Amino acid sequence: MNRKKKINDTLKKKQKKANAKLHKSNKPRYISKAEREKLAVLAQQEAQQD
């Protein structure tokens, strides 16, 4: 019984990982604080040019 359970568990884990790769997250990409600051400065410069 333990041998069957161990085999089934490993197969389930493999299937779960493969399934997780198929579904991408809808979470937006992380933007660092420094990068946000650069974007804000660029936006401010563009606003001043107009």
C-alpha atoms as a PDB file:
ATOM      1  CA  MET A   1       0.000   0.000   0.000  1.00  0.00           C
ATOM      2  CA  ASN A   2       2.779   2.444   0.877  1.00  0.00           C
ATOM      3  CA  ARG A   3       4.556   1.771  -2.402  1.00  0.00           C
ATOM      4  CA  LYS A   4       1.385   2.512  -4.389  1.00  0.00           C
ATOM      5  CA  LYS A   5       0.773   5.675  -2.403  1.00  0.00           C
ATOM      6  CA  LYS A   6       4.319   6.910  -2.962  1.00  0.00           C
ATOM      7  CA  ILE A   7       4.102   6.293  -6.708  1.00  0.00           C
ATOM      8  CA  ASN A   8       0.730   8.013  -6.953  1.00  0.00           C
ATOM      9  CA  ASP A   9       1.986  10.987  -4.944  1.00  0.00           C
ATOM     10  CA  THR A  10       4.993  11.478  -7.228  1.00  0.00           C
ATOM     11  CA  LEU A  11       2.790  11.243 -10.320  1.00  0.00           C
ATOM     12  CA  LYS A  12       0.324  13.736  -8.862  1.00  0.00           C
ATOM     13  CA  LYS A  13       3.148  16.155  -8.044  1.00  0.00           C
ATOM     14  CA  LYS A  14       4.472  15.925 -11.596  1.00  0.00           C
ATOM     15  CA  GLN A  15       1.006  16.526 -13.039  1.00  0.00           C
ATOM     16  CA  LYS A  16       0.428  19.469 -10.712  1.00  0.00           C
ATOM     17  CA  LYS A  17       3.697  21.131 -11.796  1.00  0.00           C
ATOM     18  CA  ALA A  18       2.915  20.604 -15.479  1.00  0.00           C
ATOM     19  CA  ASN A  19      -0.572  22.045 -14.987  1.00  0.00           C
ATOM     20  CA  ALA A  20       0.823  25.067 -13.141  1.00  0.00           C
ATOM     21  CA  LYS A  21       3.136  25.863 -16.059  1.00  0.00           C
ATOM     22  CA  LEU A  22       0.174  26.034 -18.436  1.00  0.00           C
ATOM     23  CA  HIS A  23      -1.695  28.671 -16.450  1.00  0.00           C
ATOM     24  CA  LYS A  24       0.126  31.972 -16.296  1.00  0.00           C
ATOM     25  CA  SER A  25      -0.608  34.448 -13.553  1.00  0.00           C
ATOM     26  CA  ASN A  26      -2.601  37.607 -14.202  1.00  0.00           C
ATOM     27  CA  LYS A  27      -0.517  39.429 -11.631  1.00  0.00           C
ATOM     28  CA  PRO A  28       1.264  42.483 -13.116  1.00  0.00           C
ATOM     29  CA  ARG A  29       5.052  42.454 -13.373  1.00  0.00           C
ATOM     30  CA  TYR A  30       6.877  43.903 -10.347  1.00  0.00           C
ATOM     31  CA  ILE A  31       8.337  47.373 -10.897  1.00  0.00           C
ATOM     32  CA  SER A  32      11.017  48.447  -8.460  1.00  0.00           C
ATOM     33  CA  LYS A  33      10.853  51.714  -6.572  1.00  0.00           C
ATOM     34  CA  ALA A  34      13.781  53.149  -8.554  1.00  0.00           C
ATOM     35  CA  GLU A  35      12.136  52.196 -11.853  1.00  0.00           C
ATOM     36  CA  ARG A  36       8.861  53.856 -10.786  1.00  0.00           C
ATOM     37  CA  GLU A  37      10.818  56.989  -9.911  1.00  0.00           C
ATOM     38  CA  LYS A  38      12.460  57.031 -13.370  1.00  0.00           C
ATOM     39  CA  LEU A  39       9.071  56.645 -15.049  1.00  0.00           C
ATOM     40  CA  ALA A  40       7.640  59.479 -12.973  1.00  0.00           C
ATOM     41  CA  VAL A  41      10.541  61.781 -13.938  1.00  0.00           C
ATOM     42  CA  LEU A  42      10.127  60.924 -17.617  1.00  0.00           C
ATOM     43  CA  ALA A  43       6.394  61.589 -17.463  1.00  0.00           C
ATOM     44  CA  GLN A  44       7.044  64.901 -15.740  1.00  0.00           C
ATOM     45  CA  GLN A  45       9.567  65.931 -18.418  1.00  0.00           C
ATOM     46  CA  GLU A  46       7.112  65.063 -21.183  1.00  0.00           C
ATOM     47  CA  ALA A  47       4.423  67.123 -19.474  1.00  0.00           C
ATOM     48  CA  GLN A  48       6.746  70.113 -19.303  1.00  0.00           C
ATOM     49  CA  GLN A  49       7.635  69.829 -22.993  1.00  0.00           C
ATOM     50  CA  ASP A  50       3.971  70.019 -24.010  1.00  0.00           C
END
